[in-house]
Amino acid sequence: MPRIPYLSSDLHEPAELVSAIRARRGGRLLHLDRMLLHSPAFARGWNAFLGAVRSELDLPARLRELAICAVAVLNGADYEFVHHAPEFLKAGGTQAQLAGVRRMAQEDPAPPLFNGVEVAVLRLTAEMTREVAVSDATFAEVRAALADEQQVVELIGTVAAYNMVSRFLVALHVSLEDSSAATQ
């Protein structure tokens, strides 16, 4: 049960903002949106920022979604995992890799499930999520694994952004919709 009641699913105001969120979500408002809309200013910034993270970066979608799923597992944000696991699969990830990510709370993922770039992404994600600080060795591994500095910045920004998302979801007890739909 959420700690603050969700706003109505047929909410129409503020019209421009609700329309933009519905457009990004395929016409509906998720529980996350209905919680965020308690603060229109916050919801507006969230929609713009996370919309850019999801659709405007050069970081490959598979790596982005891998990091998001790992953050979700490490922070106990099932809502986030359920919404992003299908996106990881669409981007070329496998069910076996998702199972490996699910075990991240108990063990570090390693080959053969994940290639070198994926292992570097998962190490960075784990360090940023658990410790905040990233070791020089892990940073060097990520920098060598990704195409350029832009992708390094985008990966770090994605991990940071989805730590914010998971903390919001967990703190407010945002629950899954009856049938999972669009992603954040």
C-alpha atoms as a PDB file:
ATOM      1  CA  MET A   1       0.000   0.000   0.000  1.00  0.00           C
ATOM      2  CA  PRO A   2       1.446   3.392  -0.940  1.00  0.00           C
ATOM      3  CA  ARG A   3       2.323   5.798   1.843  1.00  0.00           C
ATOM      4  CA  ILE A   4       0.527   8.615   0.006  1.00  0.00           C
ATOM      5  CA  PRO A   5      -2.594   7.837  -2.061  1.00  0.00           C
ATOM      6  CA  TYR A   6      -2.167   7.792  -5.831  1.00  0.00           C
ATOM      7  CA  LEU A   7      -3.924  10.555  -7.692  1.00  0.00           C
ATOM      8  CA  SER A   8      -6.772   9.429  -9.955  1.00  0.00           C
ATOM      9  CA  SER A   9      -5.865   7.506 -13.101  1.00  0.00           C
ATOM     10  CA  ASP A  10      -8.209   9.788 -15.059  1.00  0.00           C
ATOM     11  CA  LEU A  11      -6.376  12.931 -13.934  1.00  0.00           C
ATOM     12  CA  HIS A  12      -6.341  15.675 -16.592  1.00  0.00           C
ATOM     13  CA  GLU A  13      -4.726  18.655 -14.860  1.00  0.00           C
ATOM     14  CA  PRO A  14      -2.261  20.201 -15.282  1.00  0.00           C
ATOM     15  CA  ALA A  15      -3.265  19.402 -18.850  1.00  0.00           C
ATOM     16  CA  GLU A  16       0.023  19.995 -20.677  1.00  0.00           C
ATOM     17  CA  LEU A  17       2.034  17.978 -18.162  1.00  0.00           C
ATOM     18  CA  VAL A  18      -0.431  15.104 -17.879  1.00  0.00           C
ATOM     19  CA  SER A  19      -0.649  14.939 -21.694  1.00  0.00           C
ATOM     20  CA  ALA A  20       3.158  14.801 -21.993  1.00  0.00           C
ATOM     21  CA  ILE A  21       3.385  12.007 -19.422  1.00  0.00           C
ATOM     22  CA  ARG A  22       0.547  10.072 -21.085  1.00  0.00           C
ATOM     23  CA  ALA A  23       2.272  10.475 -24.474  1.00  0.00           C
ATOM     24  CA  ARG A  24       5.487   8.988 -23.077  1.00  0.00           C
ATOM     25  CA  ARG A  25       3.522   6.158 -21.439  1.00  0.00           C
ATOM     26  CA  GLY A  26       1.370   5.129 -24.383  1.00  0.00           C
ATOM     27  CA  GLY A  27      -1.738   6.880 -23.088  1.00  0.00           C
ATOM     28  CA  ARG A  28      -1.860   5.871 -19.439  1.00  0.00           C
ATOM     29  CA  LEU A  29      -0.546   7.044 -16.112  1.00  0.00           C
ATOM     30  CA  LEU A  30       1.445   4.540 -14.083  1.00  0.00           C
ATOM     31  CA  HIS A  31       1.358   4.433 -10.292  1.00  0.00           C
ATOM     32  CA  LEU A  32       4.724   6.211 -10.339  1.00  0.00           C
ATOM     33  CA  ASP A  33       3.233   9.075 -12.380  1.00  0.00           C
ATOM     34  CA  ARG A  34       0.173   9.289 -10.150  1.00  0.00           C
ATOM     35  CA  MET A  35       2.492   9.655  -7.158  1.00  0.00           C
ATOM     36  CA  LEU A  36       4.803  12.177  -8.830  1.00  0.00           C
ATOM     37  CA  LEU A  37       1.888  14.356  -9.907  1.00  0.00           C
ATOM     38  CA  HIS A  38       1.301  15.337  -6.278  1.00  0.00           C
ATOM     39  CA  SER A  39       4.047  17.842  -7.177  1.00  0.00           C
ATOM     40  CA  PRO A  40       3.561  19.054 -10.765  1.00  0.00           C
ATOM     41  CA  ALA A  41       6.927  20.837 -10.773  1.00  0.00           C
ATOM     42  CA  PHE A  42       8.687  17.671  -9.647  1.00  0.00           C
ATOM     43  CA  ALA A  43       6.742  15.524 -12.147  1.00  0.00           C
ATOM     44  CA  ARG A  44       7.596  17.924 -14.989  1.00  0.00           C
ATOM     45  CA  GLY A  45      11.320  17.768 -14.265  1.00  0.00           C
ATOM     46  CA  TRP A  46      11.227  14.005 -13.737  1.00  0.00           C
ATOM     47  CA  ASN A  47       9.411  13.401 -17.038  1.00  0.00           C
ATOM     48  CA  ALA A  48      11.853  15.550 -19.007  1.00  0.00           C
ATOM     49  CA  PHE A  49      14.983  14.218 -17.317  1.00  0.00           C
ATOM     50  CA  LEU A  50      14.130  10.525 -17.357  1.00  0.00           C
ATOM     51  CA  GLY A  51      12.665  10.827 -20.843  1.00  0.00           C
ATOM     52  CA  ALA A  52      16.078  12.039 -21.999  1.00  0.00           C
ATOM     53  CA  VAL A  53      17.890   9.273 -20.111  1.00  0.00           C
ATOM     54  CA  ARG A  54      15.631   6.675 -21.713  1.00  0.00           C
ATOM     55  CA  SER A  55      15.654   7.952 -25.291  1.00  0.00           C
ATOM     56  CA  GLU A  56      18.355  10.513 -26.034  1.00  0.00           C
ATOM     57  CA  LEU A  57      21.646   8.971 -24.912  1.00  0.00           C
ATOM     58  CA  ASP A  58      24.342   7.303 -27.006  1.00  0.00           C
ATOM     59  CA  LEU A  59      24.888   4.633 -24.343  1.00  0.00           C
ATOM     60  CA  PRO A  60      23.641   1.347 -25.840  1.00  0.00           C
ATOM     61  CA  ALA A  61      20.149   0.456 -24.594  1.00  0.00           C
ATOM     62  CA  ARG A  62      21.298  -2.995 -23.429  1.00  0.00           C
ATOM     63  CA  LEU A  63      23.891  -1.458 -21.113  1.00  0.00           C
ATOM     64  CA  ARG A  64      21.493   1.225 -19.885  1.00  0.00           C
ATOM     65  CA  GLU A  65      18.799  -1.324 -19.039  1.00  0.00           C
ATOM     66  CA  LEU A  66      21.340  -3.706 -17.477  1.00  0.00           C
ATOM     67  CA  ALA A  67      22.461  -0.940 -15.123  1.00  0.00           C
ATOM     68  CA  ILE A  68      18.854   0.030 -14.315  1.00  0.00           C
ATOM     69  CA  CYS A  69      17.911  -3.574 -13.511  1.00  0.00           C
ATOM     70  CA  ALA A  70      20.992  -3.921 -11.296  1.00  0.00           C
ATOM     71  CA  VAL A  71      20.150  -0.728  -9.390  1.00  0.00           C
ATOM     72  CA  ALA A  72      16.615  -2.037  -8.892  1.00  0.00           C
ATOM     73  CA  VAL A  73      17.842  -5.325  -7.439  1.00  0.00           C
ATOM     74  CA  LEU A  74      20.456  -3.728  -5.198  1.00  0.00           C
ATOM     75  CA  ASN A  75      17.909  -1.264  -3.788  1.00  0.00           C
ATOM     76  CA  GLY A  76      15.002  -3.713  -3.504  1.00  0.00           C
ATOM     77  CA  ALA A  77      12.895  -1.772  -6.026  1.00  0.00           C
ATOM     78  CA  ASP A  78      10.783  -4.527  -7.596  1.00  0.00           C
ATOM     79  CA  TYR A  79       8.633  -1.949  -9.416  1.00  0.00           C
ATOM     80  CA  GLU A  80      11.708  -0.670 -11.241  1.00  0.00           C
ATOM     81  CA  PHE A  81      12.950  -4.177 -12.080  1.00  0.00           C
ATOM     82  CA  VAL A  82       9.575  -5.355 -13.413  1.00  0.00           C
ATOM     83  CA  HIS A  83       9.284  -2.311 -15.667  1.00  0.00           C
ATOM     84  CA  HIS A  84      12.848  -2.493 -17.004  1.00  0.00           C
ATOM     85  CA  ALA A  85      13.509  -6.241 -17.350  1.00  0.00           C
ATOM     86  CA  PRO A  86      11.417  -6.402 -20.575  1.00  0.00           C
ATOM     87  CA  GLU A  87      13.365  -3.434 -21.947  1.00  0.00           C
ATOM     88  CA  PHE A  88      16.639  -5.233 -21.206  1.00  0.00           C
ATOM     89  CA  LEU A  89      15.366  -8.294 -23.086  1.00  0.00           C
ATOM     90  CA  LYS A  90      14.210  -6.139 -26.038  1.00  0.00           C
ATOM     91  CA  ALA A  91      17.685  -4.612 -26.169  1.00  0.00           C
ATOM     92  CA  GLY A  92      19.348  -8.032 -26.520  1.00  0.00           C
ATOM     93  CA  GLY A  93      19.742  -9.225 -22.947  1.00  0.00           C
ATOM     94  CA  THR A  94      18.794 -12.761 -21.936  1.00  0.00           C
ATOM     95  CA  GLN A  95      16.636 -14.380 -19.269  1.00  0.00           C
ATOM     96  CA  ALA A  96      19.781 -16.024 -17.862  1.00  0.00           C
ATOM     97  CA  GLN A  97      21.395 -12.594 -17.505  1.00  0.00           C
ATOM     98  CA  LEU A  98      18.312 -11.257 -15.732  1.00  0.00           C
ATOM     99  CA  ALA A  99      18.531 -14.202 -13.333  1.00  0.00           C
ATOM    100  CA  GLY A 100      22.198 -13.311 -12.776  1.00  0.00           C
ATOM    101  CA  VAL A 101      21.285  -9.707 -12.052  1.00  0.00           C
ATOM    102  CA  ARG A 102      18.632 -10.910  -9.585  1.00  0.00           C
ATOM    103  CA  ARG A 103      21.430 -12.670  -7.661  1.00  0.00           C
ATOM    104  CA  MET A 104      23.527  -9.471  -7.400  1.00  0.00           C
ATOM    105  CA  ALA A 105      22.500  -8.897  -3.797  1.00  0.00           C
ATOM    106  CA  GLN A 106      24.255 -12.163  -2.857  1.00  0.00           C
ATOM    107  CA  GLU A 107      27.061 -12.507  -5.416  1.00  0.00           C
ATOM    108  CA  ASP A 108      28.950 -10.561  -8.042  1.00  0.00           C
ATOM    109  CA  PRO A 109      27.883 -11.378 -11.610  1.00  0.00           C
ATOM    110  CA  ALA A 110      30.664 -12.712 -13.762  1.00  0.00           C
ATOM    111  CA  PRO A 111      31.347 -14.467 -17.051  1.00  0.00           C
ATOM    112  CA  PRO A 112      30.085 -16.534 -18.769  1.00  0.00           C
ATOM    113  CA  LEU A 113      26.707 -14.802 -18.316  1.00  0.00           C
ATOM    114  CA  PHE A 114      28.167 -11.352 -18.959  1.00  0.00           C
ATOM    115  CA  ASN A 115      30.841 -10.131 -21.347  1.00  0.00           C
ATOM    116  CA  GLY A 116      33.642  -7.780 -20.289  1.00  0.00           C
ATOM    117  CA  VAL A 117      31.715  -4.575 -20.962  1.00  0.00           C
ATOM    118  CA  GLU A 118      28.679  -5.868 -19.064  1.00  0.00           C
ATOM    119  CA  VAL A 119      30.828  -6.938 -16.094  1.00  0.00           C
ATOM    120  CA  ALA A 120      32.374  -3.451 -16.001  1.00  0.00           C
ATOM    121  CA  VAL A 121      28.890  -1.874 -16.096  1.00  0.00           C
ATOM    122  CA  LEU A 122      27.693  -4.118 -13.273  1.00  0.00           C
ATOM    123  CA  ARG A 123      30.772  -3.402 -11.121  1.00  0.00           C
ATOM    124  CA  LEU A 124      30.332   0.341 -11.539  1.00  0.00           C
ATOM    125  CA  THR A 125      26.620   0.059 -10.809  1.00  0.00           C
ATOM    126  CA  ALA A 126      27.236  -1.983  -7.657  1.00  0.00           C
ATOM    127  CA  GLU A 127      29.908   0.387  -6.351  1.00  0.00           C
ATOM    128  CA  MET A 128      27.861   3.519  -7.052  1.00  0.00           C
ATOM    129  CA  THR A 129      24.739   2.008  -5.511  1.00  0.00           C
ATOM    130  CA  ARG A 130      26.308   0.378  -2.465  1.00  0.00           C
ATOM    131  CA  GLU A 131      29.204   2.716  -1.673  1.00  0.00           C
ATOM    132  CA  VAL A 132      28.534   5.842  -3.792  1.00  0.00           C
ATOM    133  CA  ALA A 133      32.294   6.134  -4.486  1.00  0.00           C
ATOM    134  CA  VAL A 134      33.775   4.250  -7.448  1.00  0.00           C
ATOM    135  CA  SER A 135      37.245   2.749  -7.195  1.00  0.00           C
ATOM    136  CA  ASP A 136      39.938   3.855  -9.603  1.00  0.00           C
ATOM    137  CA  ALA A 137      40.215   0.282 -10.888  1.00  0.00           C
ATOM    138  CA  THR A 138      36.506   0.035 -11.685  1.00  0.00           C
ATOM    139  CA  PHE A 139      36.465   3.473 -13.288  1.00  0.00           C
ATOM    140  CA  ALA A 140      39.438   2.532 -15.474  1.00  0.00           C
ATOM    141  CA  GLU A 141      37.707  -0.718 -16.438  1.00  0.00           C
ATOM    142  CA  VAL A 142      34.538   1.144 -17.463  1.00  0.00           C
ATOM    143  CA  ARG A 143      36.480   3.810 -19.340  1.00  0.00           C
ATOM    144  CA  ALA A 144      38.352   1.136 -21.307  1.00  0.00           C
ATOM    145  CA  ALA A 145      35.164  -0.864 -21.987  1.00  0.00           C
ATOM    146  CA  LEU A 146      32.961   1.933 -23.341  1.00  0.00           C
ATOM    147  CA  ALA A 147      33.304   3.722 -26.668  1.00  0.00           C
ATOM    148  CA  ASP A 148      34.157   7.184 -25.317  1.00  0.00           C
ATOM    149  CA  GLU A 149      33.905   9.614 -22.431  1.00  0.00           C
ATOM    150  CA  GLN A 150      30.347  10.541 -23.404  1.00  0.00           C
ATOM    151  CA  GLN A 151      29.205   6.965 -22.789  1.00  0.00           C
ATOM    152  CA  VAL A 152      31.066   6.895 -19.454  1.00  0.00           C
ATOM    153  CA  VAL A 153      29.253  10.066 -18.334  1.00  0.00           C
ATOM    154  CA  GLU A 154      25.933   8.692 -19.600  1.00  0.00           C
ATOM    155  CA  LEU A 155      26.390   5.389 -17.748  1.00  0.00           C
ATOM    156  CA  ILE A 156      27.264   7.137 -14.499  1.00  0.00           C
ATOM    157  CA  GLY A 157      24.328   9.515 -14.976  1.00  0.00           C
ATOM    158  CA  THR A 158      21.968   6.611 -15.658  1.00  0.00           C
ATOM    159  CA  VAL A 159      23.060   4.760 -12.525  1.00  0.00           C
ATOM    160  CA  ALA A 160      22.689   7.947 -10.475  1.00  0.00           C
ATOM    161  CA  ALA A 161      19.265   8.707 -11.975  1.00  0.00           C
ATOM    162  CA  TYR A 162      17.862   5.254 -11.352  1.00  0.00           C
ATOM    163  CA  ASN A 163      19.186   5.218  -7.799  1.00  0.00           C
ATOM    164  CA  MET A 164      16.995   8.297  -7.380  1.00  0.00           C
ATOM    165  CA  VAL A 165      14.046   6.474  -8.981  1.00  0.00           C
ATOM    166  CA  SER A 166      14.422   3.378  -6.817  1.00  0.00           C
ATOM    167  CA  ARG A 167      14.742   5.384  -3.631  1.00  0.00           C
ATOM    168  CA  PHE A 168      11.563   7.312  -4.491  1.00  0.00           C
ATOM    169  CA  LEU A 169       9.678   4.092  -5.272  1.00  0.00           C
ATOM    170  CA  VAL A 170      10.829   2.280  -2.141  1.00  0.00           C
ATOM    171  CA  ALA A 171      10.333   5.224   0.256  1.00  0.00           C
ATOM    172  CA  LEU A 172       6.748   5.807  -0.920  1.00  0.00           C
ATOM    173  CA  HIS A 173       5.873   2.089  -1.320  1.00  0.00           C
ATOM    174  CA  VAL A 174       4.858   2.552  -4.958  1.00  0.00           C
ATOM    175  CA  SER A 175       3.272  -0.736  -6.012  1.00  0.00           C
ATOM    176  CA  LEU A 176       3.067  -2.497  -9.329  1.00  0.00           C
ATOM    177  CA  GLU A 177       0.085  -1.873 -11.554  1.00  0.00           C
ATOM    178  CA  ASP A 178      -2.295  -4.770 -12.121  1.00  0.00           C
ATOM    179  CA  SER A 179      -0.668  -5.443 -15.481  1.00  0.00           C
ATOM    180  CA  SER A 180       2.800  -4.092 -16.181  1.00  0.00           C
ATOM    181  CA  ALA A 181       2.965  -1.604 -19.044  1.00  0.00           C
ATOM    182  CA  ALA A 182       5.249   1.180 -20.154  1.00  0.00           C
ATOM    183  CA  THR A 183       8.574   1.854 -18.482  1.00  0.00           C
ATOM    184  CA  GLN A 184       9.726   4.894 -16.675  1.00  0.00           C
END
